[in-house]
Each structure stands twice: as structure tokens, then as C-alpha cells.
Amino acid sequence: MKTSERTIIGQMNDSIYYIECMQQGDGMLNVPIINRSLNKVPMLKLPLFYSTRMMIQEMENRFSKS
């Protein structure tokens, strides 16, 4: 999705840099480990700062029995 918001672009660039740092010497990526690691990085534009907390809240809102 396109965005021109500088803070979002900065967070995306930080994520790309992090992925490049996590890349193994043979050029392979361990996607599950990288994904778990990125989910622990704060994202200041999210109300709860961490994507995992935000996802859990959304799932509880949508799927919890009232």
C-alpha cells in the first residue's frame, strides 16, 4: 500500500534494515524467526505500540463471545 507519511516510511525502512541484518551469511532468510522478532519492535503509530498486542486486541474484539 502506498503512503507518503514519513513516520511510516521510516518504520518500513527500519524493518528492511533489520531484515537485512538478520539475513544469514548464505543469503537465506529464516522468515518465522524474523517475523517474530519484527513483532517485538515498537511501532509508534499503533495505539498499543506492538503489532502483536494490537492483533490480539483486534481478534478479541472480533471473535470474543459477548
PDB file of N, CA and C in Angstrom:
ATOM      1  N   MET A   1       0.848  -1.158   0.000  1.00  0.00           N
ATOM      2  CA  MET A   1       0.000   0.000   0.000  1.00  0.00           C
ATOM      3  C   MET A   1       0.905   1.236   0.000  1.00  0.00           C
ATOM      4  N   LYS A   2       0.559   2.216  -0.808  1.00  0.00           N
ATOM      5  CA  LYS A   2       1.355   3.432  -0.883  1.00  0.00           C
ATOM      6  C   LYS A   2       1.074   4.338   0.305  1.00  0.00           C
ATOM      7  N   THR A   3       2.122   5.038   0.721  1.00  0.00           N
ATOM      8  CA  THR A   3       1.971   6.027   1.777  1.00  0.00           C
ATOM      9  C   THR A   3       2.990   7.136   1.555  1.00  0.00           C
ATOM     10  N   SER A   4       2.645   8.314   1.974  1.00  0.00           N
ATOM     11  CA  SER A   4       3.602   9.424   1.907  1.00  0.00           C
ATOM     12  C   SER A   4       3.926   9.922   3.312  1.00  0.00           C
ATOM     13  N   GLU A   5       3.410   9.223   4.324  1.00  0.00           N
ATOM     14  CA  GLU A   5       3.652   9.640   5.698  1.00  0.00           C
ATOM     15  C   GLU A   5       5.075   9.246   6.102  1.00  0.00           C
ATOM     16  N   ARG A   6       5.862  10.224   6.444  1.00  0.00           N
ATOM     17  CA  ARG A   6       7.284   9.997   6.701  1.00  0.00           C
ATOM     18  C   ARG A   6       7.548   9.044   7.856  1.00  0.00           C
ATOM     19  N   THR A   7       6.730   9.088   8.893  1.00  0.00           N
ATOM     20  CA  THR A   7       6.975   8.201  10.028  1.00  0.00           C
ATOM     21  C   THR A   7       6.763   6.731   9.644  1.00  0.00           C
ATOM     22  N   ILE A   8       5.764   6.472   8.821  1.00  0.00           N
ATOM     23  CA  ILE A   8       5.506   5.098   8.366  1.00  0.00           C
ATOM     24  C   ILE A   8       6.634   4.636   7.454  1.00  0.00           C
ATOM     25  N   ILE A   9       7.068   5.494   6.544  1.00  0.00           N
ATOM     26  CA  ILE A   9       8.177   5.146   5.654  1.00  0.00           C
ATOM     27  C   ILE A   9       9.437   4.868   6.466  1.00  0.00           C
ATOM     28  N   GLY A  10       9.677   5.651   7.505  1.00  0.00           N
ATOM     29  CA  GLY A  10      10.830   5.425   8.371  1.00  0.00           C
ATOM     30  C   GLY A  10      10.754   4.081   9.076  1.00  0.00           C
ATOM     31  N   GLN A  11       9.577   3.724   9.563  1.00  0.00           N
ATOM     32  CA  GLN A  11       9.410   2.425  10.214  1.00  0.00           C
ATOM     33  C   GLN A  11       9.606   1.282   9.227  1.00  0.00           C
ATOM     34  N   MET A  12       9.135   1.463   7.999  1.00  0.00           N
ATOM     35  CA  MET A  12       9.332   0.445   6.975  1.00  0.00           C
ATOM     36  C   MET A  12      10.816   0.298   6.643  1.00  0.00           C
ATOM     37  N   ASN A  13      11.519   1.410   6.523  1.00  0.00           N
ATOM     38  CA  ASN A  13      12.953   1.359   6.252  1.00  0.00           C
ATOM     39  C   ASN A  13      13.710   0.702   7.399  1.00  0.00           C
ATOM     40  N   ASP A  14      13.321   0.979   8.636  1.00  0.00           N
ATOM     41  CA  ASP A  14      13.940   0.322   9.791  1.00  0.00           C
ATOM     42  C   ASP A  14      13.709  -1.186   9.740  1.00  0.00           C
ATOM     43  N   SER A  15      12.517  -1.593   9.348  1.00  0.00           N
ATOM     44  CA  SER A  15      12.214  -3.024   9.244  1.00  0.00           C
ATOM     45  C   SER A  15      13.064  -3.686   8.161  1.00  0.00           C
ATOM     46  N   ILE A  16      13.225  -3.012   7.040  1.00  0.00           N
ATOM     47  CA  ILE A  16      14.062  -3.544   5.960  1.00  0.00           C
ATOM     48  C   ILE A  16      15.499  -3.689   6.432  1.00  0.00           C
ATOM     49  N   TYR A  17      16.011  -2.680   7.123  1.00  0.00           N
ATOM     50  CA  TYR A  17      17.373  -2.740   7.650  1.00  0.00           C
ATOM     51  C   TYR A  17      17.522  -3.908   8.627  1.00  0.00           C
ATOM     52  N   TYR A  18      16.532  -4.095   9.498  1.00  0.00           N
ATOM     53  CA  TYR A  18      16.566  -5.179  10.473  1.00  0.00           C
ATOM     54  C   TYR A  18      16.595  -6.531   9.763  1.00  0.00           C
ATOM     55  N   ILE A  19      15.769  -6.683   8.743  1.00  0.00           N
ATOM     56  CA  ILE A  19      15.734  -7.938   7.980  1.00  0.00           C
ATOM     57  C   ILE A  19      17.081  -8.191   7.321  1.00  0.00           C
ATOM     58  N   GLU A  20      17.674  -7.163   6.746  1.00  0.00           N
ATOM     59  CA  GLU A  20      18.986  -7.325   6.113  1.00  0.00           C
ATOM     60  C   GLU A  20      20.036  -7.744   7.137  1.00  0.00           C
ATOM     61  N   CYS A  21      19.962  -7.219   8.349  1.00  0.00           N
ATOM     62  CA  CYS A  21      20.905  -7.597   9.403  1.00  0.00           C
ATOM     63  C   CYS A  21      20.689  -9.037   9.850  1.00  0.00           C
ATOM     64  N   MET A  22      19.454  -9.506   9.811  1.00  0.00           N
ATOM     65  CA  MET A  22      19.140 -10.866  10.243  1.00  0.00           C
ATOM     66  C   MET A  22      19.431 -11.907   9.155  1.00  0.00           C
ATOM     67  N   GLN A  23      19.667 -11.447   7.945  1.00  0.00           N
ATOM     68  CA  GLN A  23      19.912 -12.359   6.835  1.00  0.00           C
ATOM     69  C   GLN A  23      21.162 -13.184   7.120  1.00  0.00           C
ATOM     70  N   GLN A  24      21.061 -14.461   6.868  1.00  0.00           N
ATOM     71  CA  GLN A  24      22.179 -15.359   7.121  1.00  0.00           C
ATOM     72  C   GLN A  24      23.285 -15.142   6.097  1.00  0.00           C
ATOM     73  N   GLY A  25      24.465 -15.619   6.427  1.00  0.00           N
ATOM     74  CA  GLY A  25      25.615 -15.456   5.543  1.00  0.00           C
ATOM     75  C   GLY A  25      25.426 -16.054   4.161  1.00  0.00           C
ATOM     76  N   ASP A  26      24.576 -17.092   4.037  1.00  0.00           N
ATOM     77  CA  ASP A  26      24.344 -17.719   2.739  1.00  0.00           C
ATOM     78  C   ASP A  26      23.217 -17.050   1.960  1.00  0.00           C
ATOM     79  N   GLY A  27      22.707 -15.936   2.492  1.00  0.00           N
ATOM     80  CA  GLY A  27      21.655 -15.194   1.809  1.00  0.00           C
ATOM     81  C   GLY A  27      20.246 -15.678   2.110  1.00  0.00           C
ATOM     82  N   MET A  28      20.124 -16.698   2.942  1.00  0.00           N
ATOM     83  CA  MET A  28      18.814 -17.246   3.275  1.00  0.00           C
ATOM     84  C   MET A  28      18.196 -16.470   4.433  1.00  0.00           C
ATOM     85  N   LEU A  29      16.878 -16.391   4.428  1.00  0.00           N
ATOM     86  CA  LEU A  29      16.133 -15.735   5.497  1.00  0.00           C
ATOM     87  C   LEU A  29      15.328 -16.776   6.248  1.00  0.00           C
ATOM     88  N   ASN A  30      15.369 -16.720   7.569  1.00  0.00           N
ATOM     89  CA  ASN A  30      14.509 -17.562   8.388  1.00  0.00           C
ATOM     90  C   ASN A  30      13.271 -16.731   8.710  1.00  0.00           C
ATOM     91  N   VAL A  31      12.284 -16.828   7.852  1.00  0.00           N
ATOM     92  CA  VAL A  31      11.112 -15.957   7.903  1.00  0.00           C
ATOM     93  C   VAL A  31      10.364 -16.035   9.236  1.00  0.00           C
ATOM     94  N   PRO A  32      10.101 -17.225   9.789  1.00  0.00           N
ATOM     95  CA  PRO A  32       9.375 -17.249  11.074  1.00  0.00           C
ATOM     96  C   PRO A  32      10.121 -16.518  12.191  1.00  0.00           C
ATOM     97  N   ILE A  33      11.421 -16.678  12.272  1.00  0.00           N
ATOM     98  CA  ILE A  33      12.198 -16.001  13.310  1.00  0.00           C
ATOM     99  C   ILE A  33      12.203 -14.494  13.081  1.00  0.00           C
ATOM    100  N   ILE A  34      12.382 -14.067  11.856  1.00  0.00           N
ATOM    101  CA  ILE A  34      12.380 -12.638  11.543  1.00  0.00           C
ATOM    102  C   ILE A  34      11.012 -12.035  11.848  1.00  0.00           C
ATOM    103  N   ASN A  35       9.946 -12.738  11.488  1.00  0.00           N
ATOM    104  CA  ASN A  35       8.601 -12.237  11.747  1.00  0.00           C
ATOM    105  C   ASN A  35       8.362 -12.070  13.246  1.00  0.00           C
ATOM    106  N   ARG A  36       8.763 -13.063  14.034  1.00  0.00           N
ATOM    107  CA  ARG A  36       8.590 -12.952  15.491  1.00  0.00           C
ATOM    108  C   ARG A  36       9.400 -11.796  16.054  1.00  0.00           C
ATOM    109  N   SER A  37      10.589 -11.606  15.531  1.00  0.00           N
ATOM    110  CA  SER A  37      11.444 -10.515  16.007  1.00  0.00           C
ATOM    111  C   SER A  37      10.859  -9.159  15.648  1.00  0.00           C
ATOM    112  N   LEU A  38      10.364  -9.022  14.423  1.00  0.00           N
ATOM    113  CA  LEU A  38       9.781  -7.749  13.999  1.00  0.00           C
ATOM    114  C   LEU A  38       8.524  -7.417  14.797  1.00  0.00           C
ATOM    115  N   ASN A  39       7.792  -8.430  15.233  1.00  0.00           N
ATOM    116  CA  ASN A  39       6.587  -8.189  16.026  1.00  0.00           C
ATOM    117  C   ASN A  39       6.906  -7.639  17.410  1.00  0.00           C
ATOM    118  N   LYS A  40       8.160  -7.722  17.828  1.00  0.00           N
ATOM    119  CA  LYS A  40       8.576  -7.198  19.128  1.00  0.00           C
ATOM    120  C   LYS A  40       9.123  -5.771  19.033  1.00  0.00           C
ATOM    121  N   VAL A  41       9.207  -5.249  17.815  1.00  0.00           N
ATOM    122  CA  VAL A  41       9.711  -3.889  17.601  1.00  0.00           C
ATOM    123  C   VAL A  41       8.550  -2.910  17.761  1.00  0.00           C
ATOM    124  N   PRO A  42       8.702  -1.889  18.591  1.00  0.00           N
ATOM    125  CA  PRO A  42       7.605  -0.930  18.764  1.00  0.00           C
ATOM    126  C   PRO A  42       7.301  -0.160  17.484  1.00  0.00           C
ATOM    127  N   MET A  43       6.027   0.040  17.234  1.00  0.00           N
ATOM    128  CA  MET A  43       5.577   0.848  16.100  1.00  0.00           C
ATOM    129  C   MET A  43       4.744   1.975  16.695  1.00  0.00           C
ATOM    130  N   LEU A  44       5.292   3.152  16.722  1.00  0.00           N
ATOM    131  CA  LEU A  44       4.690   4.259  17.454  1.00  0.00           C
ATOM    132  C   LEU A  44       3.353   4.721  16.889  1.00  0.00           C
ATOM    133  N   LYS A  45       3.040   4.371  15.672  1.00  0.00           N
ATOM    134  CA  LYS A  45       1.757   4.767  15.081  1.00  0.00           C
ATOM    135  C   LYS A  45       0.614   3.853  15.512  1.00  0.00           C
ATOM    136  N   LEU A  46       0.915   2.708  16.107  1.00  0.00           N
ATOM    137  CA  LEU A  46      -0.130   1.814  16.591  1.00  0.00           C
ATOM    138  C   LEU A  46      -0.552   2.245  17.990  1.00  0.00           C
ATOM    139  N   PRO A  47      -1.825   2.128  18.305  1.00  0.00           N
ATOM    140  CA  PRO A  47      -2.286   2.531  19.634  1.00  0.00           C
ATOM    141  C   PRO A  47      -1.611   1.760  20.774  1.00  0.00           C
ATOM    142  N   LEU A  48      -1.278   0.493  20.546  1.00  0.00           N
ATOM    143  CA  LEU A  48      -0.663  -0.314  21.593  1.00  0.00           C
ATOM    144  C   LEU A  48       0.846  -0.481  21.376  1.00  0.00           C
ATOM    145  N   PHE A  49       1.413   0.160  20.399  1.00  0.00           N
ATOM    146  CA  PHE A  49       2.841   0.200  20.091  1.00  0.00           C
ATOM    147  C   PHE A  49       3.412  -1.089  19.510  1.00  0.00           C
ATOM    148  N   TYR A  50       2.912  -2.248  19.880  1.00  0.00           N
ATOM    149  CA  TYR A  50       3.454  -3.509  19.376  1.00  0.00           C
ATOM    150  C   TYR A  50       2.398  -4.204  18.525  1.00  0.00           C
ATOM    151  N   SER A  51       2.801  -4.678  17.356  1.00  0.00           N
ATOM    152  CA  SER A  51       1.833  -5.268  16.431  1.00  0.00           C
ATOM    153  C   SER A  51       1.159  -6.502  17.017  1.00  0.00           C
ATOM    154  N   THR A  52       1.878  -7.294  17.817  1.00  0.00           N
ATOM    155  CA  THR A  52       1.252  -8.486  18.393  1.00  0.00           C
ATOM    156  C   THR A  52       0.142  -8.108  19.374  1.00  0.00           C
ATOM    157  N   ARG A  53       0.357  -7.089  20.179  1.00  0.00           N
ATOM    158  CA  ARG A  53      -0.681  -6.659  21.124  1.00  0.00           C
ATOM    159  C   ARG A  53      -1.900  -6.120  20.379  1.00  0.00           C
ATOM    160  N   MET A  54      -1.633  -5.392  19.318  1.00  0.00           N
ATOM    161  CA  MET A  54      -2.724  -4.834  18.520  1.00  0.00           C
ATOM    162  C   MET A  54      -3.529  -5.955  17.863  1.00  0.00           C
ATOM    163  N   MET A  55      -2.843  -6.966  17.341  1.00  0.00           N
ATOM    164  CA  MET A  55      -3.522  -8.081  16.702  1.00  0.00           C
ATOM    165  C   MET A  55      -4.368  -8.850  17.709  1.00  0.00           C
ATOM    166  N   ILE A  56      -3.834  -9.102  18.899  1.00  0.00           N
ATOM    167  CA  ILE A  56      -4.585  -9.812  19.933  1.00  0.00           C
ATOM    168  C   ILE A  56      -5.843  -9.039  20.306  1.00  0.00           C
ATOM    169  N   GLN A  57      -5.719  -7.730  20.468  1.00  0.00           N
ATOM    170  CA  GLN A  57      -6.887  -6.924  20.815  1.00  0.00           C
ATOM    171  C   GLN A  57      -7.937  -6.988  19.712  1.00  0.00           C
ATOM    172  N   GLU A  58      -7.513  -6.883  18.464  1.00  0.00           N
ATOM    173  CA  GLU A  58      -8.469  -6.945  17.349  1.00  0.00           C
ATOM    174  C   GLU A  58      -9.154  -8.297  17.284  1.00  0.00           C
ATOM    175  N   MET A  59      -8.398  -9.368  17.513  1.00  0.00           N
ATOM    176  CA  MET A  59      -9.006 -10.702  17.492  1.00  0.00           C
ATOM    177  C   MET A  59     -10.000 -10.869  18.631  1.00  0.00           C
ATOM    178  N   GLU A  60      -9.665 -10.345  19.809  1.00  0.00           N
ATOM    179  CA  GLU A  60     -10.603 -10.412  20.927  1.00  0.00           C
ATOM    180  C   GLU A  60     -11.871  -9.620  20.627  1.00  0.00           C
ATOM    181  N   ASN A  61     -11.717  -8.453  20.019  1.00  0.00           N
ATOM    182  CA  ASN A  61     -12.883  -7.633  19.675  1.00  0.00           C
ATOM    183  C   ASN A  61     -13.782  -8.330  18.654  1.00  0.00           C
ATOM    184  N   ARG A  62     -13.178  -9.004  17.714  1.00  0.00           N
ATOM    185  CA  ARG A  62     -13.968  -9.613  16.640  1.00  0.00           C
ATOM    186  C   ARG A  62     -14.532 -10.971  16.998  1.00  0.00           C
ATOM    187  N   PHE A  63     -13.797 -11.757  17.779  1.00  0.00           N
ATOM    188  CA  PHE A  63     -14.176 -13.139  17.965  1.00  0.00           C
ATOM    189  C   PHE A  63     -14.590 -13.529  19.375  1.00  0.00           C
ATOM    190  N   SER A  64     -14.529 -12.611  20.309  1.00  0.00           N
ATOM    191  CA  SER A  64     -14.936 -12.967  21.669  1.00  0.00           C
ATOM    192  C   SER A  64     -16.457 -13.049  21.753  1.00  0.00           C
ATOM    193  N   LYS A  65     -16.892 -13.968  22.572  1.00  0.00           N
ATOM    194  CA  LYS A  65     -18.346 -14.129  22.754  1.00  0.00           C
ATOM    195  C   LYS A  65     -18.833 -13.085  23.744  1.00  0.00           C
ATOM    196  N   SER A  66     -19.887 -12.415  23.413  1.00  0.00           N
ATOM    197  CA  SER A  66     -20.426 -11.357  24.277  1.00  0.00           C
ATOM    198  C   SER A  66     -21.357 -11.905  25.315  1.00  0.00           C
TER     199      SER A  66
END
